[in-house]
Amino acid sequence: VRWLRSNGTVFYDPEGQPTRVLGTVTDTTHQKRLQF
């Protein structure tokens, strides 16, 4: 698990090389708190 950079279509690893992504994780805690 690493932080990646993206130009909108392609993800790059910390060394600047294109890499494939298996999935993404989004923290929805704040959104769920606002909904509640």
All heavy atoms as atom14 arrays in JSON, in Angstrom:
{
  "sequence": "VRWLRSNGTVFYDPEGQPTRVLGTVTDTTHQKRLQF",
  "atom14_mask": [
    [1, 1, 1, 1, 1, 1, 1, 0, 0, 0, 0, 0, 0, 0],
    [1, 1, 1, 1, 1, 1, 1, 1, 1, 1, 1, 0, 0, 0],
    [1, 1, 1, 1, 1, 1, 1, 1, 1, 1, 1, 1, 1, 1],
    [1, 1, 1, 1, 1, 1, 1, 1, 0, 0, 0, 0, 0, 0],
    [1, 1, 1, 1, 1, 1, 1, 1, 1, 1, 1, 0, 0, 0],
    [1, 1, 1, 1, 1, 1, 0, 0, 0, 0, 0, 0, 0, 0],
    [1, 1, 1, 1, 1, 1, 1, 1, 0, 0, 0, 0, 0, 0],
    [1, 1, 1, 1, 0, 0, 0, 0, 0, 0, 0, 0, 0, 0],
    [1, 1, 1, 1, 1, 1, 1, 0, 0, 0, 0, 0, 0, 0],
    [1, 1, 1, 1, 1, 1, 1, 0, 0, 0, 0, 0, 0, 0],
    [1, 1, 1, 1, 1, 1, 1, 1, 1, 1, 1, 0, 0, 0],
    [1, 1, 1, 1, 1, 1, 1, 1, 1, 1, 1, 1, 0, 0],
    [1, 1, 1, 1, 1, 1, 1, 1, 0, 0, 0, 0, 0, 0],
    [1, 1, 1, 1, 1, 1, 1, 0, 0, 0, 0, 0, 0, 0],
    [1, 1, 1, 1, 1, 1, 1, 1, 1, 0, 0, 0, 0, 0],
    [1, 1, 1, 1, 0, 0, 0, 0, 0, 0, 0, 0, 0, 0],
    [1, 1, 1, 1, 1, 1, 1, 1, 1, 0, 0, 0, 0, 0],
    [1, 1, 1, 1, 1, 1, 1, 0, 0, 0, 0, 0, 0, 0],
    [1, 1, 1, 1, 1, 1, 1, 0, 0, 0, 0, 0, 0, 0],
    [1, 1, 1, 1, 1, 1, 1, 1, 1, 1, 1, 0, 0, 0],
    [1, 1, 1, 1, 1, 1, 1, 0, 0, 0, 0, 0, 0, 0],
    [1, 1, 1, 1, 1, 1, 1, 1, 0, 0, 0, 0, 0, 0],
    [1, 1, 1, 1, 0, 0, 0, 0, 0, 0, 0, 0, 0, 0],
    [1, 1, 1, 1, 1, 1, 1, 0, 0, 0, 0, 0, 0, 0],
    [1, 1, 1, 1, 1, 1, 1, 0, 0, 0, 0, 0, 0, 0],
    [1, 1, 1, 1, 1, 1, 1, 0, 0, 0, 0, 0, 0, 0],
    [1, 1, 1, 1, 1, 1, 1, 1, 0, 0, 0, 0, 0, 0],
    [1, 1, 1, 1, 1, 1, 1, 0, 0, 0, 0, 0, 0, 0],
    [1, 1, 1, 1, 1, 1, 1, 0, 0, 0, 0, 0, 0, 0],
    [1, 1, 1, 1, 1, 1, 1, 1, 1, 1, 0, 0, 0, 0],
    [1, 1, 1, 1, 1, 1, 1, 1, 1, 0, 0, 0, 0, 0],
    [1, 1, 1, 1, 1, 1, 1, 1, 1, 0, 0, 0, 0, 0],
    [1, 1, 1, 1, 1, 1, 1, 1, 1, 1, 1, 0, 0, 0],
    [1, 1, 1, 1, 1, 1, 1, 1, 0, 0, 0, 0, 0, 0],
    [1, 1, 1, 1, 1, 1, 1, 1, 1, 0, 0, 0, 0, 0],
    [1, 1, 1, 1, 1, 1, 1, 1, 1, 1, 1, 0, 0, 0]
  ],
  "atom14_positions": [
    [[0.86, -1.18, 0.0], [0.0, 0.0, 0.0], [0.9, 1.23, 0.0], [1.75, 1.39, 0.86], [-0.92, 0.03, 1.24], [-1.78, 1.28, 1.23], [-1.81, -1.21, 1.27], [0.0, 0.0, 0.0], [0.0, 0.0, 0.0], [0.0, 0.0, 0.0], [0.0, 0.0, 0.0], [0.0, 0.0, 0.0], [0.0, 0.0, 0.0], [0.0, 0.0, 0.0]],
    [[0.78, 2.08, -1.04], [1.6, 3.28, -1.1], [0.75, 4.44, -1.6], [-0.25, 4.26, -2.3], [2.78, 3.08, -2.07], [3.76, 2.0, -1.64], [5.11, 2.15, -2.34], [5.0, 2.05, -3.79], [5.09, 0.91, -4.46], [5.28, -0.22, -3.81], [5.0, 0.9, -5.77], [0.0, 0.0, 0.0], [0.0, 0.0, 0.0], [0.0, 0.0, 0.0]],
    [[1.17, 5.65, -1.25], [0.52, 6.83, -1.81], [0.96, 6.99, -3.27], [2.12, 6.85, -3.6], [0.92, 8.1, -1.04], [0.35, 8.14, 0.33], [0.99, 7.93, 1.51], [-1.0, 8.4, 0.69], [0.14, 8.03, 2.58], [-1.1, 8.33, 2.1], [-2.17, 8.68, -0.04], [-2.3, 8.53, 2.79], [-3.35, 8.88, 0.66], [-3.41, 8.81, 2.04]],
    [[0.0, 7.22, -4.15], [0.29, 7.37, -5.56], [-0.15, 8.75, -6.04], [-1.03, 9.38, -5.46], [-0.44, 6.29, -6.38], [-0.16, 4.83, -6.0], [-1.0, 3.91, -6.87], [1.32, 4.52, -6.14], [0.0, 0.0, 0.0], [0.0, 0.0, 0.0], [0.0, 0.0, 0.0], [0.0, 0.0, 0.0], [0.0, 0.0, 0.0], [0.0, 0.0, 0.0]],
    [[0.5, 9.19, -7.11], [0.09, 10.43, -7.77], [-0.64, 10.07, -9.05], [-0.38, 9.04, -9.67], [1.32, 11.28, -8.1], [2.04, 11.8, -6.87], [3.27, 12.63, -7.23], [4.27, 11.83, -7.93], [4.55, 11.92, -9.22], [3.88, 12.78, -9.99], [5.47, 11.17, -9.78], [0.0, 0.0, 0.0], [0.0, 0.0, 0.0], [0.0, 0.0, 0.0]],
    [[-1.57, 10.94, -9.47], [-2.32, 10.64, -10.69], [-2.53, 11.92, -11.49], [-2.69, 13.0, -10.93], [-3.69, 10.04, -10.32], [-4.52, 9.93, -11.47], [0.0, 0.0, 0.0], [0.0, 0.0, 0.0], [0.0, 0.0, 0.0], [0.0, 0.0, 0.0], [0.0, 0.0, 0.0], [0.0, 0.0, 0.0], [0.0, 0.0, 0.0], [0.0, 0.0, 0.0]],
    [[-2.49, 11.77, -12.82], [-2.81, 12.91, -13.68], [-4.25, 12.83, -14.17], [-4.65, 13.5, -15.11], [-1.86, 12.96, -14.88], [-2.0, 11.73, -15.77], [-2.85, 10.87, -15.55], [-1.15, 11.64, -16.8], [0.0, 0.0, 0.0], [0.0, 0.0, 0.0], [0.0, 0.0, 0.0], [0.0, 0.0, 0.0], [0.0, 0.0, 0.0], [0.0, 0.0, 0.0]],
    [[-5.03, 11.95, -13.57], [-6.43, 11.8, -13.92], [-6.71, 10.48, -14.6], [-7.81, 9.94, -14.53], [0.0, 0.0, 0.0], [0.0, 0.0, 0.0], [0.0, 0.0, 0.0], [0.0, 0.0, 0.0], [0.0, 0.0, 0.0], [0.0, 0.0, 0.0], [0.0, 0.0, 0.0], [0.0, 0.0, 0.0], [0.0, 0.0, 0.0], [0.0, 0.0, 0.0]],
    [[-5.72, 9.91, -15.29], [-5.94, 8.64, -16.0], [-4.89, 7.6, -15.64], [-5.17, 6.41, -15.63], [-5.91, 8.86, -17.53], [-4.68, 9.49, -17.9], [-7.08, 9.75, -17.96], [0.0, 0.0, 0.0], [0.0, 0.0, 0.0], [0.0, 0.0, 0.0], [0.0, 0.0, 0.0], [0.0, 0.0, 0.0], [0.0, 0.0, 0.0], [0.0, 0.0, 0.0]],
    [[-3.65, 8.02, -15.39], [-2.56, 7.08, -15.1], [-2.02, 7.36, -13.71], [-1.84, 8.53, -13.32], [-1.42, 7.23, -16.15], [-0.3, 6.24, -15.84], [-1.98, 6.98, -17.55], [0.0, 0.0, 0.0], [0.0, 0.0, 0.0], [0.0, 0.0, 0.0], [0.0, 0.0, 0.0], [0.0, 0.0, 0.0], [0.0, 0.0, 0.0], [0.0, 0.0, 0.0]],
    [[-1.76, 6.3, -12.91], [-1.18, 6.44, -11.6], [0.34, 6.23, -11.67], [0.84, 5.4, -12.43], [-1.79, 5.41, -10.63], [-3.21, 5.72, -10.26], [-4.26, 5.28, -11.04], [-3.48, 6.48, -9.13], [-5.57, 5.58, -10.71], [-4.79, 6.77, -8.79], [-5.84, 6.33, -9.57], [0.0, 0.0, 0.0], [0.0, 0.0, 0.0], [0.0, 0.0, 0.0]],
    [[1.09, 6.96, -10.87], [2.55, 6.85, -10.82], [2.97, 6.53, -9.41], [2.42, 7.07, -8.44], [3.19, 8.18, -11.27], [2.86, 8.56, -12.7], [1.72, 9.31, -12.99], [3.68, 8.15, -13.75], [1.41, 9.65, -14.3], [3.37, 8.49, -15.06], [2.24, 9.24, -15.33], [1.93, 9.57, -16.62], [0.0, 0.0, 0.0], [0.0, 0.0, 0.0]],
    [[3.98, 5.66, -9.28], [4.49, 5.35, -7.95], [5.44, 6.45, -7.51], [5.72, 7.39, -8.27], [5.18, 3.98, -7.95], [6.4, 3.94, -8.85], [6.95, 5.02, -9.18], [6.82, 2.82, -9.21], [0.0, 0.0, 0.0], [0.0, 0.0, 0.0], [0.0, 0.0, 0.0], [0.0, 0.0, 0.0], [0.0, 0.0, 0.0], [0.0, 0.0, 0.0]],
    [[5.93, 6.38, -6.24], [6.8, 7.45, -5.75], [8.05, 7.67, -6.58], [8.65, 8.75, -6.55], [7.15, 6.96, -4.34], [5.99, 6.13, -3.94], [5.57, 5.42, -5.18], [0.0, 0.0, 0.0], [0.0, 0.0, 0.0], [0.0, 0.0, 0.0], [0.0, 0.0, 0.0], [0.0, 0.0, 0.0], [0.0, 0.0, 0.0], [0.0, 0.0, 0.0]],
    [[8.49, 6.67, -7.38], [9.67, 6.83, -8.24], [9.31, 7.44, -9.59], [10.17, 7.61, -10.46], [10.36, 5.49, -8.46], [11.13, 4.98, -7.23], [10.19, 4.48, -6.16], [9.12, 3.93, -6.5], [10.5, 4.66, -4.97], [0.0, 0.0, 0.0], [0.0, 0.0, 0.0], [0.0, 0.0, 0.0], [0.0, 0.0, 0.0], [0.0, 0.0, 0.0]],
    [[8.02, 7.71, -9.83], [7.6, 8.33, -11.08], [7.27, 7.35, -12.18], [7.07, 7.75, -13.33], [0.0, 0.0, 0.0], [0.0, 0.0, 0.0], [0.0, 0.0, 0.0], [0.0, 0.0, 0.0], [0.0, 0.0, 0.0], [0.0, 0.0, 0.0], [0.0, 0.0, 0.0], [0.0, 0.0, 0.0], [0.0, 0.0, 0.0], [0.0, 0.0, 0.0]],
    [[7.23, 6.03, -11.86], [6.95, 5.03, -12.88], [5.45, 4.7, -12.89], [4.81, 4.6, -11.83], [7.75, 3.75, -12.6], [9.24, 3.96, -12.63], [9.71, 4.43, -14.0], [9.26, 3.92, -15.04], [10.6, 5.42, -14.02], [0.0, 0.0, 0.0], [0.0, 0.0, 0.0], [0.0, 0.0, 0.0], [0.0, 0.0, 0.0], [0.0, 0.0, 0.0]],
    [[4.87, 4.55, -14.11], [3.45, 4.17, -14.18], [3.23, 2.83, -13.48], [4.08, 1.94, -13.53], [3.18, 4.06, -15.68], [4.26, 4.88, -16.33], [5.47, 4.73, -15.45], [0.0, 0.0, 0.0], [0.0, 0.0, 0.0], [0.0, 0.0, 0.0], [0.0, 0.0, 0.0], [0.0, 0.0, 0.0], [0.0, 0.0, 0.0], [0.0, 0.0, 0.0]],
    [[2.1, 2.69, -12.83], [1.82, 1.45, -12.11], [0.34, 1.13, -12.21], [-0.5, 2.0, -12.45], [2.22, 1.57, -10.63], [2.03, 0.31, -10.0], [1.37, 2.61, -9.91], [0.0, 0.0, 0.0], [0.0, 0.0, 0.0], [0.0, 0.0, 0.0], [0.0, 0.0, 0.0], [0.0, 0.0, 0.0], [0.0, 0.0, 0.0], [0.0, 0.0, 0.0]],
    [[0.02, -0.17, -12.09], [-1.38, -0.59, -12.11], [-1.96, -0.55, -10.7], [-1.27, -0.79, -9.73], [-1.48, -2.02, -12.66], [-1.04, -2.12, -14.11], [-1.04, -3.57, -14.55], [-2.41, -4.12, -14.49], [-2.69, -5.42, -14.63], [-1.69, -6.29, -14.8], [-3.92, -5.86, -14.58], [0.0, 0.0, 0.0], [0.0, 0.0, 0.0], [0.0, 0.0, 0.0]],
    [[-3.25, -0.25, -10.62], [-3.92, -0.1, -9.33], [-4.98, -1.17, -9.18], [-5.8, -1.39, -10.07], [-4.56, 1.3, -9.21], [-5.29, 1.44, -7.89], [-3.5, 2.38, -9.34], [0.0, 0.0, 0.0], [0.0, 0.0, 0.0], [0.0, 0.0, 0.0], [0.0, 0.0, 0.0], [0.0, 0.0, 0.0], [0.0, 0.0, 0.0], [0.0, 0.0, 0.0]],
    [[-4.92, -1.87, -8.07], [-5.91, -2.91, -7.8], [-7.2, -2.3, -7.24], [-8.3, -2.78, -7.5], [-5.33, -3.91, -6.79], [-6.2, -5.13, -6.46], [-6.39, -5.98, -7.71], [-5.54, -5.95, -5.36], [0.0, 0.0, 0.0], [0.0, 0.0, 0.0], [0.0, 0.0, 0.0], [0.0, 0.0, 0.0], [0.0, 0.0, 0.0], [0.0, 0.0, 0.0]],
    [[-7.08, -1.24, -6.46], [-8.26, -0.59, -5.89], [-7.88, 0.7, -5.2], [-6.7, 1.03, -5.07], [0.0, 0.0, 0.0], [0.0, 0.0, 0.0], [0.0, 0.0, 0.0], [0.0, 0.0, 0.0], [0.0, 0.0, 0.0], [0.0, 0.0, 0.0], [0.0, 0.0, 0.0], [0.0, 0.0, 0.0], [0.0, 0.0, 0.0], [0.0, 0.0, 0.0]],
    [[-8.88, 1.45, -4.79], [-8.64, 2.7, -4.08], [-9.41, 2.69, -2.77], [-10.4, 1.95, -2.61], [-9.1, 3.92, -4.9], [-10.51, 3.81, -5.14], [-8.36, 4.0, -6.22], [0.0, 0.0, 0.0], [0.0, 0.0, 0.0], [0.0, 0.0, 0.0], [0.0, 0.0, 0.0], [0.0, 0.0, 0.0], [0.0, 0.0, 0.0], [0.0, 0.0, 0.0]],
    [[-8.97, 3.49, -1.83], [-9.62, 3.6, -0.52], [-9.98, 5.06, -0.29], [-9.14, 5.95, -0.46], [-8.68, 3.11, 0.6], [-9.35, 3.31, 1.95], [-8.32, 1.65, 0.39], [0.0, 0.0, 0.0], [0.0, 0.0, 0.0], [0.0, 0.0, 0.0], [0.0, 0.0, 0.0], [0.0, 0.0, 0.0], [0.0, 0.0, 0.0], [0.0, 0.0, 0.0]],
    [[-11.23, 5.3, 0.05], [-11.69, 6.65, 0.34], [-12.23, 6.71, 1.77], [-13.05, 5.88, 2.17], [-12.81, 7.08, -0.63], [-12.33, 6.99, -1.97], [-13.25, 8.52, -0.35], [0.0, 0.0, 0.0], [0.0, 0.0, 0.0], [0.0, 0.0, 0.0], [0.0, 0.0, 0.0], [0.0, 0.0, 0.0], [0.0, 0.0, 0.0], [0.0, 0.0, 0.0]],
    [[-11.77, 7.66, 2.55], [-12.24, 7.84, 3.92], [-13.58, 8.6, 3.9], [-13.63, 9.76, 3.52], [-11.21, 8.62, 4.74], [-11.6, 8.72, 6.21], [-12.69, 8.23, 6.57], [-10.81, 9.29, 6.99], [0.0, 0.0, 0.0], [0.0, 0.0, 0.0], [0.0, 0.0, 0.0], [0.0, 0.0, 0.0], [0.0, 0.0, 0.0], [0.0, 0.0, 0.0]],
    [[-14.66, 7.92, 4.26], [-16.0, 8.53, 4.23], [-16.5, 8.91, 5.63], [-17.68, 9.16, 5.82], [-17.01, 7.57, 3.58], [-17.08, 6.36, 4.36], [-16.6, 7.23, 2.15], [0.0, 0.0, 0.0], [0.0, 0.0, 0.0], [0.0, 0.0, 0.0], [0.0, 0.0, 0.0], [0.0, 0.0, 0.0], [0.0, 0.0, 0.0], [0.0, 0.0, 0.0]],
    [[-15.59, 8.93, 6.59], [-16.01, 9.2, 7.97], [-16.71, 10.55, 8.09], [-17.79, 10.67, 8.68], [-14.79, 9.18, 8.9], [-14.13, 7.93, 8.79], [-15.22, 9.4, 10.35], [0.0, 0.0, 0.0], [0.0, 0.0, 0.0], [0.0, 0.0, 0.0], [0.0, 0.0, 0.0], [0.0, 0.0, 0.0], [0.0, 0.0, 0.0], [0.0, 0.0, 0.0]],
    [[-16.1, 11.58, 7.5], [-16.68, 12.92, 7.61], [-18.04, 12.98, 6.9], [-18.99, 13.58, 7.41], [-15.73, 13.95, 7.0], [-16.23, 15.36, 7.07], [-16.52, 15.99, 8.26], [-16.51, 16.25, 6.09], [-16.95, 17.22, 8.02], [-16.96, 17.4, 6.71], [0.0, 0.0, 0.0], [0.0, 0.0, 0.0], [0.0, 0.0, 0.0], [0.0, 0.0, 0.0]],
    [[-18.13, 12.34, 5.74], [-19.38, 12.34, 4.99], [-20.49, 11.66, 5.78], [-21.62, 12.16, 5.86], [-19.2, 11.64, 3.65], [-20.47, 11.59, 2.79], [-20.26, 10.83, 1.49], [-19.16, 10.4, 1.2], [-21.33, 10.69, 0.72], [0.0, 0.0, 0.0], [0.0, 0.0, 0.0], [0.0, 0.0, 0.0], [0.0, 0.0, 0.0], [0.0, 0.0, 0.0]],
    [[-20.18, 10.5, 6.37], [-21.19, 9.79, 7.16], [-21.59, 10.58, 8.39], [-22.75, 10.58, 8.8], [-20.66, 8.41, 7.56], [-20.56, 7.43, 6.4], [-20.12, 6.06, 6.87], [-20.09, 5.08, 5.71], [-21.46, 4.85, 5.15], [0.0, 0.0, 0.0], [0.0, 0.0, 0.0], [0.0, 0.0, 0.0], [0.0, 0.0, 0.0], [0.0, 0.0, 0.0]],
    [[-20.61, 11.3, 8.99], [-20.94, 12.12, 10.16], [-21.89, 13.25, 9.77], [-22.84, 13.55, 10.49], [-19.65, 12.67, 10.78], [-19.91, 13.47, 12.06], [-18.63, 13.98, 12.68], [-17.83, 12.9, 13.23], [-16.67, 12.51, 12.74], [-16.16, 13.12, 11.68], [-16.0, 11.52, 13.3], [0.0, 0.0, 0.0], [0.0, 0.0, 0.0], [0.0, 0.0, 0.0]],
    [[-21.64, 13.86, 8.62], [-22.53, 14.94, 8.16], [-23.93, 14.39, 7.85], [-24.94, 15.05, 8.16], [-21.94, 15.6, 6.91], [-20.7, 16.48, 7.11], [-20.2, 17.0, 5.77], [-20.99, 17.63, 8.07], [0.0, 0.0, 0.0], [0.0, 0.0, 0.0], [0.0, 0.0, 0.0], [0.0, 0.0, 0.0], [0.0, 0.0, 0.0], [0.0, 0.0, 0.0]],
    [[-23.98, 13.18, 7.24], [-25.28, 12.58, 6.97], [-26.04, 12.31, 8.26], [-27.25, 12.57, 8.35], [-25.1, 11.26, 6.19], [-24.66, 11.46, 4.74], [-24.41, 10.13, 4.06], [-24.08, 9.14, 4.7], [-24.56, 10.11, 2.74], [0.0, 0.0, 0.0], [0.0, 0.0, 0.0], [0.0, 0.0, 0.0], [0.0, 0.0, 0.0], [0.0, 0.0, 0.0]],
    [[-25.35, 11.81, 9.27], [-25.98, 11.53, 10.55], [-26.49, 12.82, 11.2], [-27.61, 12.88, 11.72], [-25.0, 10.82, 11.5], [-25.52, 10.66, 12.9], [-26.42, 9.65, 13.2], [-25.11, 11.52, 13.92], [-26.91, 9.49, 14.49], [-25.6, 11.37, 15.2], [-26.49, 10.35, 15.49], [0.0, 0.0, 0.0], [0.0, 0.0, 0.0], [0.0, 0.0, 0.0]]
  ]
}
